[in-house]
Amino acid sequence: MPAPDGRRGAGRMAALVRGGSRALRTGRPRATWRDRLAPLVLFAVIIGVWYFVSLVVLDRDRRFLLPSPDSVVRVAFLDGHNLAQLLRALWLSTSVALIGLGVSIGLGMAVAIAMSQARWIEKSVYPYAVILQTIPTLAMVPLIGFWFGYGFLSRVIVCVLIALFPVISSTLFGLRSVDQSMLDLFRLHRIPRWRRLVSLQLPAAMPATFAGFQVSAGLSVVGAVVGDFFFKQGKPGIGVLIDLYRARLLSQQLFGAVILASLLGVVVFTFFGWLSRLVTGRWYAAETP
């Protein structure tokens, strides 16, 4: 009959094993109270520094440069007229960003898959994809306006130009990183190329592909705001309001628009991180940010 100390030790060991098995199933270590508390502490520090600069460092007649957080909330979000204006603009920018992101994902994956199937396609297309990424977007915006007008379509095209390359590069990297022995096994059994792509390469490339989706998600919001700055015809988006508030020195509304644009990028980025863990978390042990 085991001693009481032995039973307690066995119980603790069983608990550790159960906790370890749960961590292995999820692919991530369990979050501790420090992991949850640290972001809140940092947020409180940022708000404190913001208050200090706004109320102590700046003179009263210069506080429009950095209004206090409570004044931003009161003017931008608690005033019904300002909030409605910001939400209408946010909806338009969200539509542009999501459509541009969807086009970037579809087009980028198609290009990456084509390049992974033939070296001559990769050597032909990839340099132009790099050139498209390195050309300053601000230099392309006037041309896009001349060719496609200054409305919704042009804003979507700007989003696609900014968000396309991360999808291409990440998906191609994932497709090229498949274990060579697995590819040799598929070839040994004379499995068709399309079956190798669907059954082996695409599933193995999912972690890298979703990492590219996350990067492109944030860039699509940037593209929506940049497009607003130049294509101001039609309904105003967040970028139009930012430019308008800047010209009129409406600093509270300006900070509110910037905060909403940032939150949009964070929400889209976080969604693809969650989707990545949902799709690959059962079999991919590495943690996706």
Protein backbone atom coordinates (compact mmCIF):
# COMPACT_ATOMS: atom_id res chain seq x y z
CA MET A 1 0.00 0.00 0.00
CA PRO A 2 1.59 3.32 -1.05
CA ALA A 3 2.32 5.94 1.53
CA PRO A 4 0.22 9.17 1.69
CA ASP A 5 3.19 11.18 0.44
CA GLY A 6 3.46 8.82 -2.47
CA ARG A 7 -0.22 9.27 -3.32
CA ARG A 8 0.13 13.06 -3.20
CA GLY A 9 3.22 12.91 -5.38
CA ALA A 10 1.47 10.66 -7.87
CA GLY A 11 -1.51 13.05 -7.90
CA ARG A 12 0.72 16.03 -8.60
CA MET A 13 2.49 14.12 -11.34
CA ALA A 14 -0.84 13.17 -12.93
CA ALA A 15 -1.97 16.82 -12.83
CA LEU A 16 1.26 17.90 -14.52
CA VAL A 17 0.81 15.26 -17.19
CA ARG A 18 -2.78 16.36 -17.82
CA GLY A 19 -1.71 20.01 -18.06
CA GLY A 20 1.14 19.09 -20.39
CA SER A 21 -1.15 17.06 -22.62
CA ARG A 22 -3.57 20.00 -22.83
CA ALA A 23 -0.70 22.31 -23.79
CA LEU A 24 0.41 19.84 -26.46
CA ARG A 25 -3.12 19.61 -27.86
CA THR A 26 -3.47 23.35 -28.11
CA GLY A 27 0.10 23.87 -29.31
CA ARG A 28 0.57 26.72 -26.81
CA PRO A 29 1.52 27.01 -23.14
CA ARG A 30 -1.25 28.07 -20.80
CA ALA A 31 -1.42 31.82 -20.20
CA THR A 32 -0.44 32.93 -16.69
CA TRP A 33 -1.73 35.91 -14.74
CA ARG A 34 1.39 37.82 -15.77
CA ASP A 35 0.59 37.29 -19.44
CA ARG A 36 -2.87 38.77 -18.90
CA LEU A 37 -1.80 41.58 -16.59
CA ALA A 38 1.20 42.87 -18.55
CA PRO A 39 -0.79 44.37 -21.47
CA LEU A 40 -3.14 46.09 -19.03
CA VAL A 41 -0.25 47.58 -17.08
CA LEU A 42 1.39 48.82 -20.27
CA PHE A 43 -1.93 50.34 -21.41
CA ALA A 44 -2.27 52.16 -18.08
CA VAL A 45 1.29 53.49 -18.43
CA ILE A 46 0.57 54.78 -21.94
CA ILE A 47 -2.61 56.52 -20.78
CA GLY A 48 -0.73 58.02 -17.82
CA VAL A 49 2.03 59.38 -20.06
CA TRP A 50 -0.63 60.73 -22.42
CA TYR A 51 -2.33 62.58 -19.57
CA PHE A 52 0.99 63.89 -18.27
CA VAL A 53 2.05 65.33 -21.63
CA SER A 54 -1.39 66.77 -22.35
CA LEU A 55 -2.09 68.36 -18.97
CA VAL A 56 1.40 69.10 -17.57
CA VAL A 57 3.94 69.40 -20.38
CA LEU A 58 1.81 71.33 -22.88
CA ASP A 59 0.55 74.81 -22.20
CA ARG A 60 -3.20 75.35 -22.17
CA ASP A 61 -3.19 77.09 -25.56
CA ARG A 62 -1.23 74.20 -27.14
CA ARG A 63 -3.20 71.28 -25.78
CA PHE A 64 -4.95 70.89 -29.13
CA LEU A 65 -1.73 69.18 -30.25
CA LEU A 66 -2.42 66.30 -27.86
CA PRO A 67 -5.87 66.45 -26.26
CA SER A 68 -6.39 64.42 -23.11
CA PRO A 69 -7.91 60.93 -23.48
CA ASP A 70 -11.14 61.88 -21.71
CA SER A 71 -11.68 64.83 -24.06
CA VAL A 72 -11.14 62.57 -27.07
CA VAL A 73 -13.70 60.09 -25.76
CA ARG A 74 -16.16 62.84 -24.87
CA VAL A 75 -15.98 64.74 -28.16
CA ALA A 76 -15.34 61.94 -30.66
CA PHE A 77 -17.31 59.03 -29.23
CA LEU A 78 -19.92 60.41 -26.82
CA ASP A 79 -21.16 63.16 -29.11
CA GLY A 80 -23.86 61.59 -31.27
CA HIS A 81 -23.20 63.65 -34.40
CA ASN A 82 -19.43 63.05 -34.37
CA LEU A 83 -19.81 59.36 -33.58
CA ALA A 84 -22.30 58.83 -36.43
CA GLN A 85 -19.95 60.59 -38.85
CA LEU A 86 -17.02 58.45 -37.73
CA LEU A 87 -18.99 55.21 -37.94
CA ARG A 88 -20.24 55.95 -41.46
CA ALA A 89 -16.67 56.64 -42.57
CA LEU A 90 -15.43 53.53 -40.77
CA TRP A 91 -18.00 51.38 -42.58
CA LEU A 92 -16.83 52.64 -45.98
CA SER A 93 -13.16 52.12 -45.12
CA THR A 94 -13.95 48.64 -43.77
CA SER A 95 -15.72 47.73 -47.02
CA VAL A 96 -12.76 48.94 -49.07
CA ALA A 97 -10.23 47.14 -46.87
CA LEU A 98 -12.11 43.82 -46.83
CA ILE A 99 -12.77 43.78 -50.57
CA GLY A 100 -9.15 44.70 -51.28
CA LEU A 101 -7.96 42.03 -48.87
CA GLY A 102 -10.19 39.41 -50.45
CA VAL A 103 -8.91 40.24 -53.93
CA SER A 104 -5.32 40.19 -52.64
CA ILE A 105 -5.79 36.78 -51.04
CA GLY A 106 -7.40 35.22 -54.11
CA LEU A 107 -4.98 36.75 -56.62
CA GLY A 108 -1.92 36.28 -54.43
CA MET A 109 -2.59 32.60 -53.77
CA ALA A 110 -3.29 31.93 -57.45
CA VAL A 111 -0.01 33.58 -58.47
CA ALA A 112 1.96 31.78 -55.74
CA ILE A 113 0.49 28.39 -56.68
CA ALA A 114 1.31 28.96 -60.35
CA MET A 115 4.90 29.93 -59.47
CA SER A 116 5.31 26.87 -57.25
CA GLN A 117 4.33 24.53 -60.08
CA ALA A 118 6.86 25.74 -62.64
CA ARG A 119 10.22 27.41 -62.18
CA TRP A 120 9.90 29.36 -65.41
CA ILE A 121 6.67 30.95 -64.14
CA GLU A 122 8.37 31.92 -60.89
CA LYS A 123 11.35 33.42 -62.68
CA SER A 124 9.01 35.33 -65.00
CA VAL A 125 6.49 36.67 -62.48
CA TYR A 126 8.32 37.07 -59.16
CA PRO A 127 10.57 39.98 -60.24
CA TYR A 128 7.51 41.98 -61.28
CA ALA A 129 5.82 41.20 -57.97
CA VAL A 130 8.88 42.59 -56.19
CA ILE A 131 8.86 45.68 -58.42
CA LEU A 132 5.17 46.21 -57.65
CA GLN A 133 5.98 46.09 -53.94
CA THR A 134 8.93 48.49 -54.16
CA ILE A 135 7.22 51.17 -56.26
CA PRO A 136 6.03 53.93 -53.88
CA THR A 137 2.26 53.73 -53.64
CA LEU A 138 1.98 57.51 -53.60
CA ALA A 139 3.59 57.57 -57.04
CA MET A 140 1.00 55.12 -58.39
CA VAL A 141 -2.06 56.79 -56.88
CA PRO A 142 -2.33 59.62 -59.47
CA LEU A 143 -2.07 57.10 -62.32
CA ILE A 144 -4.76 54.93 -60.76
CA GLY A 145 -6.98 58.02 -60.56
CA PHE A 146 -6.40 58.82 -64.24
CA TRP A 147 -7.16 55.28 -65.36
CA PHE A 148 -9.99 54.18 -63.04
CA GLY A 149 -11.47 57.41 -61.72
CA TYR A 150 -11.50 58.64 -58.15
CA GLY A 151 -14.21 56.53 -56.57
CA PHE A 152 -14.62 53.22 -54.76
CA LEU A 153 -12.83 51.08 -57.37
CA SER A 154 -9.63 53.11 -57.19
CA ARG A 155 -9.52 52.77 -53.40
CA VAL A 156 -9.85 49.00 -53.70
CA ILE A 157 -7.03 48.89 -56.27
CA VAL A 158 -4.74 50.81 -53.88
CA CYS A 159 -5.54 48.23 -51.17
CA VAL A 160 -4.69 45.39 -53.53
CA LEU A 161 -1.39 46.96 -54.55
CA ILE A 162 -0.34 47.38 -50.92
CA ALA A 163 -1.62 44.04 -49.57
CA LEU A 164 -0.82 41.67 -52.47
CA PHE A 165 2.89 40.95 -52.06
CA PRO A 166 2.84 39.43 -48.51
CA VAL A 167 0.28 36.86 -49.68
CA ILE A 168 2.41 35.92 -52.69
CA SER A 169 5.69 35.68 -50.81
CA SER A 170 4.33 33.83 -47.75
CA THR A 171 2.28 31.34 -49.75
CA LEU A 172 5.17 30.64 -52.12
CA PHE A 173 7.51 30.17 -49.15
CA GLY A 174 5.10 27.70 -47.59
CA LEU A 175 4.64 25.75 -50.80
CA ARG A 176 8.40 25.57 -51.34
CA SER A 177 9.03 24.43 -47.74
CA VAL A 178 7.30 21.06 -48.01
CA ASP A 179 9.39 18.12 -46.80
CA GLN A 180 11.29 16.77 -49.81
CA SER A 181 10.92 13.18 -48.65
CA MET A 182 7.13 13.56 -48.71
CA LEU A 183 7.27 14.98 -52.22
CA ASP A 184 9.48 12.05 -53.30
CA LEU A 185 6.97 9.64 -51.77
CA PHE A 186 4.12 11.19 -53.72
CA ARG A 187 6.17 11.07 -56.92
CA LEU A 188 7.14 7.46 -56.24
CA HIS A 189 3.47 6.50 -56.18
CA ARG A 190 2.90 8.57 -59.32
CA ILE A 191 0.29 10.75 -57.68
CA PRO A 192 -0.83 13.54 -60.05
CA ARG A 193 0.55 17.02 -59.61
CA TRP A 194 -2.82 18.50 -58.62
CA ARG A 195 -3.28 15.83 -55.93
CA ARG A 196 0.17 16.64 -54.53
CA LEU A 197 -0.81 20.29 -54.42
CA VAL A 198 -4.17 19.72 -52.71
CA SER A 199 -3.19 16.89 -50.35
CA LEU A 200 0.36 17.89 -49.39
CA GLN A 201 1.61 21.30 -50.41
CA LEU A 202 -1.36 23.50 -49.56
CA PRO A 203 -1.95 21.97 -46.10
CA ALA A 204 1.76 22.21 -45.29
CA ALA A 205 1.84 25.83 -46.43
CA MET A 206 -1.13 26.93 -44.29
CA PRO A 207 0.90 28.37 -41.34
CA ALA A 208 3.03 30.53 -43.63
CA THR A 209 0.02 31.46 -45.75
CA PHE A 210 -1.97 32.65 -42.75
CA ALA A 211 1.01 34.66 -41.56
CA GLY A 212 0.91 36.43 -44.91
CA PHE A 213 -2.85 36.95 -44.51
CA GLN A 214 -2.26 38.67 -41.17
CA VAL A 215 0.31 41.05 -42.64
CA SER A 216 -1.91 41.81 -45.62
CA ALA A 217 -4.89 42.40 -43.32
CA GLY A 218 -3.11 45.26 -41.62
CA LEU A 219 -1.80 46.63 -44.90
CA SER A 220 -5.29 46.60 -46.43
CA VAL A 221 -6.46 49.04 -43.76
CA VAL A 222 -3.46 51.24 -44.55
CA GLY A 223 -4.41 51.06 -48.24
CA ALA A 224 -8.00 52.07 -47.49
CA VAL A 225 -6.83 55.13 -45.53
CA VAL A 226 -4.22 56.09 -48.16
CA GLY A 227 -6.80 55.78 -50.92
CA ASP A 228 -9.13 58.06 -48.99
CA PHE A 229 -6.49 60.77 -48.84
CA PHE A 230 -6.37 60.98 -52.63
CA PHE A 231 -9.72 59.72 -53.93
CA LYS A 232 -12.13 62.02 -52.15
CA GLN A 233 -15.10 61.68 -54.45
CA GLY A 234 -18.21 59.98 -53.13
CA LYS A 235 -18.83 59.15 -49.49
CA PRO A 236 -15.95 60.02 -47.15
CA GLY A 237 -13.94 57.27 -45.49
CA ILE A 238 -11.74 57.45 -42.42
CA GLY A 239 -8.85 58.91 -44.43
CA VAL A 240 -11.03 61.75 -45.73
CA LEU A 241 -12.17 62.59 -42.20
CA ILE A 242 -8.59 62.53 -40.91
CA ASP A 243 -7.57 65.03 -43.57
CA LEU A 244 -10.65 67.16 -42.89
CA TYR A 245 -10.12 67.21 -39.12
CA ARG A 246 -6.44 68.05 -39.63
CA ALA A 247 -7.29 71.04 -41.82
CA ARG A 248 -9.85 72.33 -39.30
CA LEU A 249 -7.66 71.62 -36.22
CA LEU A 250 -10.34 69.38 -34.71
CA SER A 251 -7.87 67.38 -32.70
CA GLN A 252 -10.34 65.34 -30.63
CA GLN A 253 -12.16 64.10 -33.73
CA LEU A 254 -8.80 63.55 -35.44
CA PHE A 255 -7.59 61.30 -32.63
CA GLY A 256 -10.93 59.50 -32.63
CA ALA A 257 -10.62 58.75 -36.36
CA VAL A 258 -7.04 57.52 -35.90
CA ILE A 259 -8.11 55.28 -33.01
CA LEU A 260 -10.95 53.76 -35.05
CA ALA A 261 -8.63 53.11 -38.01
CA SER A 262 -6.12 51.44 -35.69
CA LEU A 263 -8.83 49.32 -34.08
CA LEU A 264 -10.01 48.21 -37.52
CA GLY A 265 -6.51 47.01 -38.37
CA VAL A 266 -6.17 45.23 -35.02
CA VAL A 267 -9.54 43.49 -35.40
CA VAL A 268 -8.79 42.21 -38.90
CA PHE A 269 -5.26 41.14 -37.88
CA THR A 270 -6.58 39.34 -34.78
CA PHE A 271 -9.32 37.61 -36.78
CA PHE A 272 -6.80 36.00 -39.13
CA GLY A 273 -4.64 35.01 -36.16
CA TRP A 274 -7.65 33.26 -34.62
CA LEU A 275 -8.54 31.67 -37.96
CA SER A 276 -4.98 30.43 -38.33
CA ARG A 277 -5.07 28.76 -34.90
CA LEU A 278 -8.47 27.29 -35.72
CA VAL A 279 -7.28 25.79 -39.02
CA THR A 280 -3.72 24.74 -38.13
CA GLY A 281 -3.77 24.51 -34.33
CA ARG A 282 -4.70 20.81 -34.29
CA TRP A 283 -1.58 19.71 -36.10
CA TYR A 284 0.85 22.65 -36.23
CA ALA A 285 2.71 22.85 -32.94
CA ALA A 286 4.27 26.28 -33.41
CA GLU A 287 2.36 29.20 -31.97
CA THR A 288 0.86 31.60 -34.47
CA PRO A 289 0.96 35.25 -33.26
